[in-house]
Each structure stands twice: as structure tokens, then as C-alpha cells.
Amino acid sequence: MSRWEPNARGRLEQAAMELYGERGYEKTTVTEIAGRAGLTERTFFRHYADKREVLFGGSVALQGLLVDTLAEAPASASPIDAVAVALQATAAVFDERREQSRRRQEIIAANVELQERELVKLDSLAAALAGALRERGVPEPAASLAGEAGVAVFKVAFGRWIGGSGEPGMGACIQEVLDELKAVTAGGRT
């Protein structure tokens, strides 16, 4: 194998997803992932701490996108509307990766350890959103409530989007779920 391989991270991710789908997460090893990608284990560990992180490696970028977009939301936006702006910024990213997102979710759903990891990552997103809201001057508990509500909207919208045919897109699913949340909190029924 050569010393430098183009798109090693992407190749490792693709190999892992294929193997997790074929053999299951538990039965797949780092050695097999690296071999399928045509890379070494050492290269794998340069990109990922463990085989679990292949599924969660994008969470840092997702969190950055959410926090950065929330920070740029109009100053007049309510906390939940600022969170909505941030959530909408993720829609295009997800729409471009629909099949990969669906495969990833199937793998996570089949493994309790991965489900727990997903919950930890979602909790980190809620905390990051709340922190960004506090930076905007939103007091507690409003910042934490809006951050948690935003993650709840994301989870429900993602489930609806993943389970559907691709239409409507993720952005429309986010808006539908946000509207339903607002109706529920206003005392109405959806």
C-alpha cells in the first residue's frame, strides 16, 4: 500500500458502511474495514478513534454548522426561531446524503451501544444549541428549553424524513415538525 491515499476518510467510511450492512456492526473489525478500503489499520486510526466513530464522525461538523448558523440568526428571532434557522441550515447536507443517512440509521437501530452513543451525541447538540443561545443573551431556562426542543424537532423530523420517500425534503420535515411543536405548546392539537 502506498504512503498517501486520496480520500482515505471517505473510503474508510464507505468500507465500514458496506461491512456493517453485510456482517453487522458487532462482527466487523477495524482490520476488515481498512482492508476493504485498501488502507492500513494505522491509517484508520489516524482518522477515527474506533469503529464506532465512523458512524459519528460527522457530528462535530453538524454541531459547528448548527452553532455558527444560530449565531448568525437575526437578533430579533425568538430562541426557538433562531434554533429553527440553524436546523434548516442542516437540511441541504442531509438531503445530499439521504441513502447514507438511512443506512447509518439502520445500523444504529440494530445495536444498543450505538443507540446510546447517538443519544450522547444528540445531548451534546442540545447543549451546544443552548450555549449558543446563551451567547445571544437568552437566559436560562429558556436557552436550555429551546436547545432541547430543537433536538426533539430534529429527531422527529429526521425520523419522518428517513422513513419517507425523499419528498418532502429534510427542510420541509423540519418545518412541519416545528409547526406541530408550536401548535402543541400553544395549547392546540395538530
Protein backbone atom coordinates (compact mmCIF):
# COMPACT_ATOMS: atom_id res chain seq x y z
CA MET A 1 0.00 0.00 0.00
CA SER A 2 1.21 3.45 -0.78
CA ARG A 3 2.03 6.03 1.88
CA TRP A 4 -0.59 8.52 0.75
CA GLU A 5 -4.05 7.55 -0.40
CA PRO A 6 -6.54 10.11 -1.69
CA ASN A 7 -9.85 10.39 0.20
CA ALA A 8 -8.82 7.87 2.84
CA ARG A 9 -11.52 9.04 5.26
CA GLY A 10 -14.27 8.71 2.68
CA ARG A 11 -13.03 5.28 1.61
CA LEU A 12 -12.92 4.11 5.22
CA GLU A 13 -16.43 5.36 5.81
CA GLN A 14 -17.74 3.64 2.68
CA ALA A 15 -15.98 0.37 3.55
CA ALA A 16 -17.31 0.45 7.10
CA MET A 17 -20.87 1.12 5.99
CA GLU A 18 -20.69 -1.74 3.48
CA LEU A 19 -19.29 -4.15 6.07
CA TYR A 20 -21.70 -3.08 8.80
CA GLY A 21 -24.54 -3.70 6.34
CA GLU A 22 -23.18 -7.09 5.24
CA ARG A 23 -21.91 -8.50 8.52
CA GLY A 24 -23.34 -6.29 11.22
CA TYR A 25 -21.54 -3.74 13.34
CA GLU A 26 -20.52 -6.20 16.05
CA LYS A 27 -18.89 -8.68 13.66
CA THR A 28 -16.90 -6.10 11.71
CA THR A 29 -13.31 -5.33 12.70
CA VAL A 30 -11.11 -2.33 12.08
CA THR A 31 -8.74 -4.62 10.17
CA GLU A 32 -11.55 -5.60 7.80
CA ILE A 33 -12.62 -2.00 7.30
CA ALA A 34 -9.08 -0.88 6.50
CA GLY A 35 -8.56 -3.86 4.19
CA ARG A 36 -11.80 -3.20 2.28
CA ALA A 37 -10.72 0.42 1.84
CA GLY A 38 -7.25 -0.64 0.65
CA LEU A 39 -5.61 1.06 3.63
CA THR A 40 -3.80 0.09 6.81
CA GLU A 41 -5.15 -0.05 10.35
CA ARG A 42 -2.77 2.77 11.18
CA THR A 43 -4.46 4.94 8.56
CA PHE A 44 -7.84 4.02 10.03
CA PHE A 45 -6.75 5.21 13.47
CA ARG A 46 -5.43 8.47 12.03
CA HIS A 47 -8.99 9.26 11.02
CA TYR A 48 -11.14 7.53 13.66
CA ALA A 49 -10.65 6.66 17.32
CA ASP A 50 -12.59 3.41 16.90
CA LYS A 51 -15.02 1.68 14.55
CA ARG A 52 -17.97 3.35 16.26
CA GLU A 53 -16.74 6.82 15.33
CA VAL A 54 -17.11 6.06 11.62
CA LEU A 55 -20.84 6.46 12.23
CA PHE A 56 -20.49 9.59 14.36
CA GLY A 57 -17.54 11.40 12.77
CA GLY A 58 -19.80 13.99 11.15
CA SER A 59 -21.30 15.13 14.44
CA VAL A 60 -18.58 17.73 15.05
CA ALA A 61 -19.24 19.34 11.67
CA LEU A 62 -23.00 19.18 12.26
CA GLN A 63 -22.64 20.84 15.64
CA GLY A 64 -20.41 23.54 14.14
CA LEU A 65 -22.94 24.24 11.40
CA LEU A 66 -25.79 24.49 13.90
CA VAL A 67 -23.93 26.77 16.32
CA ASP A 68 -22.50 29.02 13.60
CA THR A 69 -25.85 29.41 11.87
CA LEU A 70 -27.67 30.05 15.14
CA ALA A 71 -25.16 32.78 15.96
CA GLU A 72 -25.96 34.47 12.63
CA ALA A 73 -29.75 34.27 13.02
CA PRO A 74 -31.50 37.64 13.13
CA ALA A 75 -31.19 39.29 16.54
CA SER A 76 -34.98 39.74 16.61
CA ALA A 77 -35.60 35.98 16.30
CA SER A 78 -37.12 34.22 19.30
CA PRO A 79 -34.98 31.44 20.78
CA ILE A 80 -36.95 28.68 19.04
CA ASP A 81 -36.94 30.58 15.74
CA ALA A 82 -33.16 31.04 15.96
CA VAL A 83 -32.86 27.28 16.55
CA ALA A 84 -35.15 26.70 13.55
CA VAL A 85 -32.83 28.77 11.36
CA ALA A 86 -29.93 26.58 12.49
CA LEU A 87 -31.85 23.36 11.89
CA GLN A 88 -32.84 24.49 8.39
CA ALA A 89 -29.15 25.02 7.57
CA THR A 90 -28.61 21.28 8.01
CA ALA A 91 -31.34 20.29 5.55
CA ALA A 92 -29.25 20.54 2.40
CA VAL A 93 -26.47 18.48 3.97
CA PHE A 94 -28.88 15.71 4.85
CA ASP A 95 -30.75 15.83 1.53
CA GLU A 96 -27.45 15.20 -0.28
CA ARG A 97 -26.76 12.14 1.90
CA ARG A 98 -30.19 10.56 2.19
CA GLU A 99 -29.28 6.95 1.39
CA GLN A 100 -26.17 7.09 3.55
CA SER A 101 -28.24 8.57 6.39
CA ARG A 102 -30.80 5.79 6.03
CA ARG A 103 -28.12 3.06 6.09
CA ARG A 104 -26.44 4.70 9.09
CA GLN A 105 -29.72 4.84 10.99
CA GLU A 106 -30.46 1.17 10.27
CA ILE A 107 -27.04 0.21 11.65
CA ILE A 108 -27.54 2.32 14.78
CA ALA A 109 -31.06 0.96 15.34
CA ALA A 110 -29.69 -2.60 15.34
CA ASN A 111 -27.17 -2.00 18.15
CA VAL A 112 -27.84 -0.80 21.71
CA GLU A 113 -24.28 0.54 22.16
CA LEU A 114 -24.68 2.68 19.05
CA GLN A 115 -28.12 3.87 20.16
CA GLU A 116 -26.58 5.05 23.42
CA ARG A 117 -23.81 6.82 21.53
CA GLU A 118 -26.42 8.53 19.35
CA LEU A 119 -28.21 9.80 22.45
CA VAL A 120 -24.94 11.19 23.83
CA LYS A 121 -24.28 12.99 20.55
CA LEU A 122 -27.81 14.42 20.48
CA ASP A 123 -27.41 15.59 24.07
CA SER A 124 -24.19 17.36 23.03
CA LEU A 125 -26.09 19.08 20.22
CA ALA A 126 -28.76 20.29 22.65
CA ALA A 127 -26.08 21.64 24.99
CA ALA A 128 -24.30 23.37 22.11
CA LEU A 129 -27.54 24.99 20.92
CA ALA A 130 -28.31 26.15 24.47
CA GLY A 131 -24.79 27.56 24.78
CA ALA A 132 -25.14 29.44 21.51
CA LEU A 133 -28.46 30.86 22.70
CA ARG A 134 -26.89 31.99 25.97
CA GLU A 135 -24.21 33.73 23.88
CA ARG A 136 -27.08 35.63 22.23
CA GLY A 137 -28.29 36.74 25.67
CA VAL A 138 -31.08 34.20 26.10
CA PRO A 139 -31.42 33.47 29.83
CA GLU A 140 -31.95 30.11 31.49
CA PRO A 141 -34.10 28.10 31.42
CA ALA A 142 -35.23 29.43 28.03
CA ALA A 143 -31.86 28.65 26.38
CA SER A 144 -31.84 25.03 27.56
CA LEU A 145 -35.52 24.52 26.76
CA ALA A 146 -35.06 25.85 23.22
CA GLY A 147 -31.92 23.75 22.71
CA GLU A 148 -33.67 20.57 23.89
CA ALA A 149 -36.77 21.40 21.85
CA GLY A 150 -34.60 21.94 18.79
CA VAL A 151 -33.06 18.49 19.16
CA ALA A 152 -36.54 17.00 19.65
CA VAL A 153 -37.68 18.70 16.43
CA PHE A 154 -34.57 17.41 14.66
CA LYS A 155 -35.11 13.82 15.88
CA VAL A 156 -38.77 13.68 14.87
CA ALA A 157 -38.13 15.41 11.53
CA PHE A 158 -35.18 13.10 10.79
CA GLY A 159 -37.30 10.03 11.54
CA ARG A 160 -40.07 11.30 9.28
CA TRP A 161 -37.60 12.15 6.51
CA ILE A 162 -35.71 8.85 6.74
CA GLY A 163 -38.95 6.86 6.72
CA GLY A 164 -40.38 8.66 3.72
CA SER A 165 -39.74 8.57 0.01
CA GLY A 166 -37.45 11.58 -0.02
CA GLU A 167 -40.25 14.06 -0.58
CA PRO A 168 -40.65 16.32 1.18
CA GLY A 169 -37.03 17.06 1.84
CA MET A 170 -35.47 17.41 5.27
CA GLY A 171 -36.14 21.16 5.39
CA ALA A 172 -39.87 20.66 4.87
CA CYS A 173 -39.91 17.92 7.53
CA ILE A 174 -38.16 20.24 9.99
CA GLN A 175 -40.70 22.99 9.31
CA GLU A 176 -43.67 20.63 9.64
CA VAL A 177 -42.45 19.29 12.98
CA LEU A 178 -41.60 22.78 14.25
CA ASP A 179 -45.11 23.95 13.34
CA GLU A 180 -46.57 20.95 15.17
CA LEU A 181 -44.46 21.73 18.25
CA LYS A 182 -45.61 25.35 18.22
CA ALA A 183 -49.23 24.23 17.92
CA VAL A 184 -48.84 21.82 20.85
CA THR A 185 -47.16 24.42 23.07
CA ALA A 186 -49.86 26.97 22.18
CA GLY A 187 -52.44 24.55 23.54
CA GLY A 188 -53.77 23.37 20.22
CA ARG A 189 -53.90 19.97 18.61
CA THR A 190 -52.27 19.04 15.36
